Amino acid sequence: METRTNNIKRSLYISNLGLMDNLGMTQILPYIKGLAEKGVEFIIISYEKKEHIDNKAKIKHIKRILDKYDIRWITLQYHHRWGNIYDIFVGLFLAVKITWDENVDIIHARASIPMFFAFPVAKLFGKRIIYDRRGTVRGDFIDDVDVKNICSLNFFAIILDAIDRFFIRHSDAIIVLSERGKRLLKEGDLTGRQDVTCEAIPCCVNMERFVNLDSAVQQALDLSDKFVLTYVGSLGTCYLLDEMIDFFTILKKIEQNAFFLIVSHSDADMINSTFLNKGILRGDYAVVDAAPDEVPGWLNKSKCSVMFIKEVECKIGSSPTKFAESLAAGIPVVVNKNIGDTENLICANRLGSVVESLDEKGYSDSIYCLREVLKDGFSLSERCKTVASKLFSMELGIEKYKRIYESL
């Protein structure tokens, strides 16, 4: 076992979201780099998709970034669904070895699946444990998967909820994605636990990415005379593409030049098929697979963005990255209810509109509110950017993480 005489914290950071994922590049790497600059030493275990592991150029690019901060990065292949059990056992043995050999101070588990082995390892070796909660245990095994499985049975759902509560009550620090999620924990599972650090850190953005936007990415798609409604991000189980297209259909009856732009790396054939089934012509929408650095440019050409998410427990305290990105680009957002802090922020600051119900009346009422907000013009754009800067800046997120590390 290595011994150290300095006071620098050494963290074993474990994530089942890969660093090579688009979301990993915007929601893991910047925080790791920021904390490393503030003196935290990192060893990272990340579960990467097979196609990313096979991408040697991308691995080399990420390693080059991490090497600047003397960060050791270990990649494991991610396995879907029941393969998570295999991932947990492989991660367990690796975490034990690293914790013993490297004498880490803190084990930082990003999301619930790494927590299944990070927690026992931390307790075995007497290390501090951070539960970086991206949703719920039930959400990872039931709500956020696209097929029913044995965990969908009520008996197993109860067990998963009990495990989640156990992790919450016995961790040294807990990170949630919204103030709403923090409040629910304080009033629920953390009642009476003043010794547990609980911090709300939303999905933040690098505001510098949204300055002096380059329009080159739009040259192949002329959107100059369009009312562009944009959706950014993956279209997984919890994202309601059908309902967003229904919203667009109502919008197009009012704004005849409306155009739906989908910026996503999700299956384009699936997206095109959904539009076709809804009777939307190819000239009224486009699907673009953009790198993270290109997203601000696409948002810059948008009139507003939209995000409808399934109202399940794991999303009540969520913080969609696309929400922060849209505000940073200065454009309003249309959301449905019960998604983290988005509803409260939109209503309090006039940042878009909230769809009260996912039906024709709900869409029509929301579009009316949106058009009223859009009349604010430049002041609306500045309002969106101000809220993004105050609540979702990467510097703020890094500072909050730093305070948690210092508290341990």
Protein backbone atom coordinates (compact mmCIF):
# COMPACT_ATOMS: atom_id res chain seq x y z
CA MET A 1 0.00 0.00 0.00
CA GLU A 2 1.30 3.44 -0.96
CA THR A 3 1.74 6.01 1.84
CA ARG A 4 1.55 9.78 1.36
CA THR A 5 2.60 12.70 3.52
CA ASN A 6 0.75 15.55 1.73
CA ASN A 7 -2.84 16.65 2.28
CA ILE A 8 -3.95 16.30 -1.35
CA LYS A 9 -7.09 14.21 -1.72
CA ARG A 10 -6.89 11.18 -3.99
CA SER A 11 -10.16 10.02 -5.51
CA LEU A 12 -11.18 6.82 -7.24
CA TYR A 13 -13.86 8.08 -9.65
CA ILE A 14 -16.15 5.40 -11.07
CA SER A 15 -18.69 6.02 -13.84
CA ASN A 16 -20.80 3.68 -15.92
CA LEU A 17 -21.21 6.54 -18.39
CA GLY A 18 -18.18 6.51 -20.65
CA LEU A 19 -15.81 9.44 -20.96
CA MET A 20 -15.97 8.94 -24.72
CA ASP A 21 -19.76 9.41 -24.80
CA ASN A 22 -20.84 12.89 -25.88
CA LEU A 23 -22.39 13.36 -22.44
CA GLY A 24 -19.22 12.12 -20.78
CA MET A 25 -17.17 14.69 -22.68
CA THR A 26 -19.40 17.54 -21.47
CA GLN A 27 -20.55 16.25 -18.06
CA ILE A 28 -17.56 14.34 -16.67
CA LEU A 29 -14.31 15.54 -18.22
CA PRO A 30 -14.76 19.27 -17.44
CA TYR A 31 -15.45 18.57 -13.75
CA ILE A 32 -12.52 16.17 -13.47
CA LYS A 33 -10.19 18.70 -15.12
CA GLY A 34 -11.47 21.53 -12.93
CA LEU A 35 -11.01 19.56 -9.71
CA ALA A 36 -7.59 18.34 -10.81
CA GLU A 37 -6.55 21.96 -11.29
CA LYS A 38 -7.64 22.57 -7.70
CA GLY A 39 -5.43 19.78 -6.38
CA VAL A 40 -7.52 16.59 -6.40
CA GLU A 41 -5.72 13.50 -7.70
CA PHE A 42 -7.87 11.15 -9.76
CA ILE A 43 -7.90 7.53 -10.83
CA ILE A 44 -10.85 6.93 -13.16
CA ILE A 45 -12.71 3.73 -13.97
CA SER A 46 -15.22 4.25 -16.77
CA TYR A 47 -17.42 1.80 -18.63
CA GLU A 48 -17.17 2.49 -22.35
CA LYS A 49 -19.32 1.21 -25.20
CA LYS A 50 -17.61 -1.31 -27.47
CA GLU A 51 -17.66 1.00 -30.48
CA HIS A 52 -15.84 3.62 -28.43
CA ILE A 53 -13.25 1.17 -27.10
CA ASP A 54 -12.53 0.22 -30.71
CA ASN A 55 -12.02 3.90 -31.60
CA LYS A 56 -8.27 4.15 -30.92
CA ALA A 57 -8.05 7.76 -32.11
CA LYS A 58 -10.71 8.89 -29.63
CA ILE A 59 -9.07 6.99 -26.77
CA LYS A 60 -5.75 8.62 -27.62
CA HIS A 61 -7.43 12.05 -27.63
CA ILE A 62 -8.98 11.54 -24.16
CA LYS A 63 -5.76 10.11 -22.75
CA ARG A 64 -3.84 13.10 -24.02
CA ILE A 65 -6.21 15.38 -22.09
CA LEU A 66 -5.99 13.33 -18.89
CA ASP A 67 -2.21 12.98 -19.07
CA LYS A 68 -1.91 16.76 -18.67
CA TYR A 69 -3.35 16.33 -15.19
CA ASP A 70 -1.54 13.05 -14.35
CA ILE A 71 -4.88 11.24 -14.24
CA ARG A 72 -4.84 7.47 -14.59
CA TRP A 73 -7.75 6.18 -16.69
CA ILE A 74 -8.91 2.57 -16.76
CA THR A 75 -11.55 1.56 -19.31
CA LEU A 76 -13.92 -1.38 -18.98
CA GLN A 77 -16.42 -2.44 -21.61
CA TYR A 78 -20.01 -1.54 -20.80
CA HIS A 79 -22.60 -4.32 -20.99
CA HIS A 80 -26.30 -3.58 -21.44
CA ARG A 81 -29.14 -4.73 -19.15
CA TRP A 82 -28.22 -7.99 -17.36
CA GLY A 83 -24.62 -7.37 -18.37
CA ASN A 84 -24.63 -4.75 -15.61
CA ILE A 85 -24.24 -7.60 -13.12
CA TYR A 86 -21.02 -8.65 -14.84
CA ASP A 87 -19.87 -5.02 -14.85
CA ILE A 88 -20.50 -4.77 -11.11
CA PHE A 89 -18.38 -7.85 -10.30
CA VAL A 90 -15.50 -6.78 -12.56
CA GLY A 91 -15.62 -3.29 -11.09
CA LEU A 92 -15.66 -4.68 -7.55
CA PHE A 93 -12.38 -6.58 -7.93
CA LEU A 94 -10.72 -3.68 -9.74
CA ALA A 95 -11.87 -1.15 -7.13
CA VAL A 96 -10.55 -3.33 -4.31
CA LYS A 97 -7.14 -3.58 -5.97
CA ILE A 98 -6.87 0.15 -6.72
CA THR A 99 -8.10 1.22 -3.29
CA TRP A 100 -5.49 -1.02 -1.63
CA ASP A 101 -2.58 -0.29 -3.99
CA GLU A 102 -3.12 3.45 -4.43
CA ASN A 103 -4.36 4.36 -0.93
CA VAL A 104 -7.23 6.51 -2.18
CA ASP A 105 -9.04 8.81 0.23
CA ILE A 106 -12.41 9.06 -1.49
CA ILE A 107 -14.45 6.78 -3.73
CA HIS A 108 -16.72 8.81 -5.98
CA ALA A 109 -19.51 6.73 -7.55
CA ARG A 110 -21.29 8.45 -10.43
CA ALA A 111 -24.79 6.90 -10.55
CA SER A 112 -26.26 3.91 -8.79
CA ILE A 113 -24.71 0.97 -10.68
CA PRO A 114 -21.11 1.84 -9.68
CA MET A 115 -22.45 2.45 -6.16
CA PHE A 116 -23.27 -1.26 -5.84
CA PHE A 117 -19.56 -2.07 -5.58
CA ALA A 118 -18.07 1.32 -4.63
CA PHE A 119 -20.02 1.39 -1.36
CA PRO A 120 -18.81 -1.95 0.07
CA VAL A 121 -15.24 -1.23 -1.02
CA ALA A 122 -15.32 2.17 0.72
CA LYS A 123 -16.68 0.64 3.92
CA LEU A 124 -14.22 -2.27 3.80
CA PHE A 125 -11.22 0.07 3.60
CA GLY A 126 -12.60 2.90 5.73
CA LYS A 127 -12.74 5.41 2.85
CA ARG A 128 -15.19 8.26 2.33
CA ILE A 129 -17.91 7.60 -0.22
CA ILE A 130 -19.62 10.11 -2.52
CA TYR A 131 -22.94 9.02 -4.02
CA ASP A 132 -23.23 11.16 -7.16
CA ARG A 133 -26.88 10.38 -7.71
CA ARG A 134 -28.00 10.82 -11.34
CA GLY A 135 -31.48 9.39 -10.75
CA THR A 136 -32.64 6.45 -8.64
CA VAL A 137 -31.73 2.79 -8.35
CA ARG A 138 -35.26 1.91 -9.43
CA GLY A 139 -34.88 4.25 -12.41
CA ASP A 140 -31.66 2.61 -13.60
CA PHE A 141 -33.19 -0.88 -13.54
CA ILE A 142 -36.86 -0.20 -14.38
CA ASP A 143 -37.94 3.30 -15.46
CA ASP A 144 -35.03 4.02 -17.78
CA VAL A 145 -34.97 0.73 -19.69
CA ASP A 146 -36.98 -0.07 -22.79
CA VAL A 147 -38.19 -3.54 -21.85
CA LYS A 148 -39.98 -4.99 -18.86
CA ASN A 149 -37.77 -7.27 -16.80
CA ILE A 150 -37.82 -9.16 -13.53
CA CYS A 151 -37.01 -5.93 -11.68
CA SER A 152 -40.34 -4.54 -12.91
CA LEU A 153 -42.11 -6.84 -10.45
CA ASN A 154 -43.34 -4.91 -7.44
CA PHE A 155 -41.31 -7.07 -5.04
CA PHE A 156 -38.03 -6.21 -6.75
CA ALA A 157 -38.99 -2.55 -7.11
CA ILE A 158 -39.43 -2.39 -3.32
CA ILE A 159 -36.01 -3.97 -2.84
CA LEU A 160 -34.37 -1.49 -5.24
CA ASP A 161 -35.96 1.44 -3.39
CA ALA A 162 -34.69 0.03 -0.09
CA ILE A 163 -31.15 -0.27 -1.49
CA ASP A 164 -31.32 3.33 -2.71
CA ARG A 165 -32.41 4.54 0.74
CA PHE A 166 -29.58 2.55 2.33
CA PHE A 167 -26.99 4.15 0.03
CA ILE A 168 -28.41 7.60 0.75
CA ARG A 169 -28.41 7.24 4.53
CA HIS A 170 -24.93 5.70 4.76
CA SER A 171 -22.95 7.79 2.29
CA ASP A 172 -20.62 10.57 3.40
CA ALA A 173 -21.81 12.96 0.69
CA ILE A 174 -24.68 12.92 -1.77
CA ILE A 175 -24.93 14.88 -4.99
CA VAL A 176 -28.29 15.39 -6.68
CA LEU A 177 -29.16 17.19 -9.90
CA SER A 178 -31.74 19.72 -8.73
CA GLU A 179 -32.85 21.76 -5.76
CA ARG A 180 -36.12 19.87 -5.93
CA GLY A 181 -34.28 16.57 -5.60
CA LYS A 182 -32.27 17.93 -2.67
CA ARG A 183 -35.41 19.12 -0.91
CA LEU A 184 -37.10 15.73 -1.35
CA LEU A 185 -34.10 13.98 0.20
CA LYS A 186 -33.85 16.43 3.11
CA GLU A 187 -37.55 15.96 3.84
CA GLY A 188 -37.40 12.20 3.34
CA ASP A 189 -34.48 9.78 3.54
CA LEU A 190 -32.07 12.31 5.08
CA THR A 191 -34.40 13.53 7.82
CA GLY A 192 -32.30 13.97 10.95
CA ARG A 193 -28.98 13.24 9.18
CA GLN A 194 -27.15 16.53 9.65
CA ASP A 195 -23.79 14.76 9.26
CA VAL A 196 -24.38 13.92 5.58
CA THR A 197 -23.35 16.51 3.01
CA CYS A 198 -26.04 16.94 0.37
CA GLU A 199 -25.49 19.28 -2.58
CA ALA A 200 -27.49 20.05 -5.70
CA ILE A 201 -25.22 20.28 -8.74
CA PRO A 202 -27.16 20.50 -12.03
CA CYS A 203 -25.79 19.50 -15.41
CA CYS A 204 -23.65 22.55 -16.16
CA VAL A 205 -22.26 24.00 -19.37
CA ASN A 206 -19.09 25.77 -20.39
CA MET A 207 -20.47 29.22 -21.20
CA GLU A 208 -17.46 29.99 -23.40
CA ARG A 209 -18.74 27.42 -25.91
CA PHE A 210 -21.73 29.69 -26.56
CA VAL A 211 -19.77 32.85 -27.39
CA ASN A 212 -18.91 33.92 -30.97
CA LEU A 213 -20.77 30.98 -32.45
CA ASP A 214 -19.54 29.74 -35.81
CA SER A 215 -22.33 29.32 -38.36
CA ALA A 216 -20.27 26.98 -40.57
CA VAL A 217 -22.08 23.93 -39.22
CA GLN A 218 -25.35 25.16 -40.75
CA GLN A 219 -24.09 25.78 -44.27
CA ALA A 220 -25.53 22.48 -45.51
CA LEU A 221 -28.96 23.34 -44.10
CA ASP A 222 -30.59 26.69 -44.85
CA LEU A 223 -32.72 27.63 -41.85
CA SER A 224 -32.73 31.39 -42.38
CA ASP A 225 -36.47 31.73 -43.07
CA LYS A 226 -37.64 29.01 -40.67
CA PHE A 227 -39.23 28.99 -37.22
CA VAL A 228 -36.79 26.37 -35.92
CA LEU A 229 -37.90 24.13 -33.06
CA THR A 230 -34.90 22.12 -31.84
CA TYR A 231 -34.42 19.00 -29.79
CA VAL A 232 -30.87 18.23 -28.61
CA GLY A 233 -29.62 14.95 -27.20
CA SER A 234 -30.29 11.25 -27.16
CA LEU A 235 -33.77 9.80 -27.66
CA GLY A 236 -33.80 6.98 -25.15
CA THR A 237 -36.63 5.36 -23.27
CA CYS A 238 -37.63 8.37 -21.19
CA TYR A 239 -37.69 10.92 -24.03
CA LEU A 240 -41.08 11.38 -25.68
CA LEU A 241 -40.38 11.81 -29.40
CA ASP A 242 -43.96 11.04 -30.47
CA GLU A 243 -45.35 13.72 -28.18
CA MET A 244 -42.75 16.26 -29.31
CA ILE A 245 -43.76 15.63 -32.93
CA ASP A 246 -47.41 16.08 -31.94
CA PHE A 247 -46.46 19.43 -30.40
CA PHE A 248 -44.64 20.38 -33.61
CA THR A 249 -47.72 19.46 -35.66
CA ILE A 250 -49.84 21.93 -33.67
CA LEU A 251 -47.09 24.55 -33.88
CA LYS A 252 -46.92 24.23 -37.66
CA LYS A 253 -50.62 25.03 -37.96
CA ILE A 254 -49.84 28.38 -36.31
CA GLU A 255 -46.30 29.01 -37.59
CA GLN A 256 -46.45 27.68 -41.14
CA ASN A 257 -42.69 27.98 -41.62
CA ALA A 258 -42.02 25.84 -38.54
CA PHE A 259 -39.15 23.36 -38.92
CA PHE A 260 -38.19 20.62 -36.46
CA LEU A 261 -34.44 20.13 -36.04
CA ILE A 262 -33.29 17.00 -34.20
CA VAL A 263 -29.65 17.16 -33.09
CA SER A 264 -28.95 13.65 -31.86
CA HIS A 265 -26.63 10.68 -32.24
CA SER A 266 -29.59 8.31 -31.75
CA ASP A 267 -30.68 5.97 -34.54
CA ALA A 268 -31.63 8.21 -37.49
CA ASP A 269 -33.71 5.45 -39.11
CA MET A 270 -35.84 5.17 -35.97
CA ILE A 271 -36.31 8.95 -35.86
CA ASN A 272 -37.19 9.18 -39.56
CA SER A 273 -39.66 6.31 -39.19
CA THR A 274 -41.39 8.08 -36.31
CA PHE A 275 -41.76 11.28 -38.33
CA LEU A 276 -43.05 9.28 -41.31
CA ASN A 277 -45.66 7.53 -39.16
CA LYS A 278 -46.80 10.95 -37.94
CA GLY A 279 -47.19 12.20 -41.51
CA ILE A 280 -44.41 14.79 -41.32
CA LEU A 281 -42.69 15.51 -44.65
CA ARG A 282 -38.90 15.35 -44.95
CA GLY A 283 -38.79 19.03 -45.88
CA ASP A 284 -40.25 19.98 -42.51
CA TYR A 285 -37.59 18.41 -40.32
CA ALA A 286 -33.96 17.30 -40.29
CA VAL A 287 -31.88 14.91 -38.20
CA VAL A 288 -28.29 15.94 -37.52
CA ASP A 289 -25.61 13.89 -35.73
CA ALA A 290 -23.44 16.61 -34.21
CA ALA A 291 -20.34 16.56 -32.03
CA PRO A 292 -20.63 18.38 -28.68
CA ASP A 293 -18.67 21.37 -30.01
CA GLU A 294 -21.19 21.78 -32.85
CA VAL A 295 -24.31 21.86 -30.65
CA PRO A 296 -24.08 25.59 -29.76
CA GLY A 297 -23.98 26.49 -33.45
CA TRP A 298 -27.15 24.56 -34.18
CA LEU A 299 -28.94 26.04 -31.18
CA ASN A 300 -27.92 29.49 -32.36
CA LYS A 301 -30.18 29.06 -35.40
CA SER A 302 -33.18 28.00 -33.31
CA LYS A 303 -36.22 29.96 -32.23
CA CYS A 304 -36.77 27.69 -29.25
CA SER A 305 -36.02 24.18 -28.03
CA VAL A 306 -38.31 21.44 -26.76
CA MET A 307 -37.87 18.54 -24.35
CA PHE A 308 -40.65 16.21 -23.26
CA ILE A 309 -39.57 13.57 -20.77
CA LYS A 310 -41.53 10.70 -19.25
CA GLU A 311 -42.85 11.64 -15.81
CA VAL A 312 -41.25 8.85 -13.79
CA GLU A 313 -39.68 9.01 -10.36
CA CYS A 314 -36.10 9.01 -11.60
CA LYS A 315 -36.75 12.19 -13.64
CA ILE A 316 -38.44 14.23 -10.90
CA GLY A 317 -35.07 15.41 -9.64
CA SER A 318 -33.26 15.43 -12.98
CA SER A 319 -31.37 18.21 -14.74
CA PRO A 320 -31.32 17.75 -18.53
CA THR A 321 -28.13 19.06 -20.10
CA LYS A 322 -30.17 20.22 -23.09
CA PHE A 323 -32.04 22.67 -20.84
CA ALA A 324 -28.86 24.40 -19.71
CA GLU A 325 -27.43 24.37 -23.25
CA SER A 326 -30.55 26.00 -24.66
CA LEU A 327 -30.51 28.78 -22.07
CA ALA A 328 -26.79 29.34 -22.63
CA ALA A 329 -27.54 29.79 -26.34
CA GLY A 330 -30.15 32.41 -25.42
CA ILE A 331 -33.22 30.51 -26.59
CA PRO A 332 -36.38 29.65 -24.61
CA VAL A 333 -37.42 26.10 -23.80
CA VAL A 334 -40.72 24.23 -23.92
CA VAL A 335 -40.95 21.48 -21.29
CA ASN A 336 -43.53 19.20 -19.76
CA LYS A 337 -44.20 19.11 -16.03
CA ASN A 338 -42.28 17.49 -13.18
CA ILE A 339 -38.77 17.52 -14.67
CA GLY A 340 -36.38 18.73 -11.98
CA ASP A 341 -36.25 22.49 -11.50
CA THR A 342 -37.10 23.31 -15.13
CA GLU A 343 -40.77 24.15 -14.57
CA ASN A 344 -40.09 26.54 -11.68
CA LEU A 345 -37.22 28.27 -13.49
CA ILE A 346 -39.25 28.79 -16.67
CA CYS A 347 -42.26 30.20 -14.83
CA ALA A 348 -40.25 32.42 -12.48
CA ASN A 349 -38.04 33.90 -15.22
CA ARG A 350 -40.22 33.72 -18.37
CA LEU A 351 -37.79 31.38 -20.12
CA GLY A 352 -40.29 29.57 -22.33
CA SER A 353 -43.47 27.64 -21.61
CA VAL A 354 -44.64 24.58 -19.70
CA VAL A 355 -46.99 22.03 -21.26
CA GLU A 356 -49.58 21.20 -18.63
CA SER A 357 -50.87 18.12 -20.45
CA LEU A 358 -49.54 16.12 -23.38
CA ASP A 359 -52.58 16.60 -25.58
CA GLU A 360 -53.83 19.06 -28.20
CA LYS A 361 -55.13 21.56 -25.64
CA GLY A 362 -51.93 21.40 -23.61
CA TYR A 363 -49.83 21.96 -26.72
CA SER A 364 -51.99 24.84 -27.96
CA ASP A 365 -51.95 26.63 -24.60
CA SER A 366 -48.19 26.21 -24.34
CA ILE A 367 -47.64 27.56 -27.87
CA TYR A 368 -49.73 30.62 -27.02
CA CYS A 369 -47.54 31.27 -23.95
CA LEU A 370 -44.39 30.66 -25.96
CA ARG A 371 -45.37 33.20 -28.62
CA GLU A 372 -46.05 35.78 -25.90
CA VAL A 373 -42.61 35.17 -24.37
CA LEU A 374 -40.93 35.41 -27.80
CA LYS A 375 -42.25 38.96 -28.13
CA ASP A 376 -39.60 39.96 -25.56
CA GLY A 377 -36.99 39.54 -28.30
CA PHE A 378 -33.46 40.49 -27.26
CA SER A 379 -34.35 40.79 -23.58
CA LEU A 380 -35.56 37.17 -23.63
CA SER A 381 -32.24 36.01 -25.05
CA GLU A 382 -30.32 37.97 -22.41
CA ARG A 383 -32.59 36.61 -19.68
CA CYS A 384 -31.90 33.03 -20.77
CA LYS A 385 -28.15 33.62 -20.83
CA THR A 386 -28.19 35.32 -17.42
CA VAL A 387 -30.00 32.39 -15.79
CA ALA A 388 -27.63 29.95 -17.46
CA SER A 389 -24.62 31.89 -16.21
CA LYS A 390 -25.93 32.17 -12.64
CA LEU A 391 -27.19 28.61 -12.22
CA PHE A 392 -25.56 26.36 -14.82
CA SER A 393 -22.02 27.63 -15.42
CA MET A 394 -19.30 24.98 -15.31
CA GLU A 395 -17.26 27.12 -12.89
CA LEU A 396 -20.15 27.03 -10.41
CA GLY A 397 -20.46 23.27 -10.71
CA ILE A 398 -16.72 22.72 -10.19
CA GLU A 399 -16.74 25.00 -7.14
CA LYS A 400 -19.60 23.01 -5.59
CA TYR A 401 -17.73 19.73 -6.19
CA LYS A 402 -14.62 21.30 -4.64
CA ARG A 403 -16.56 22.19 -1.46
CA ILE A 404 -17.76 18.61 -1.17
CA TYR A 405 -14.23 17.24 -1.50
CA GLU A 406 -12.98 19.71 1.07
CA SER A 407 -15.76 18.71 3.49
CA LEU A 408 -14.54 15.13 3.42
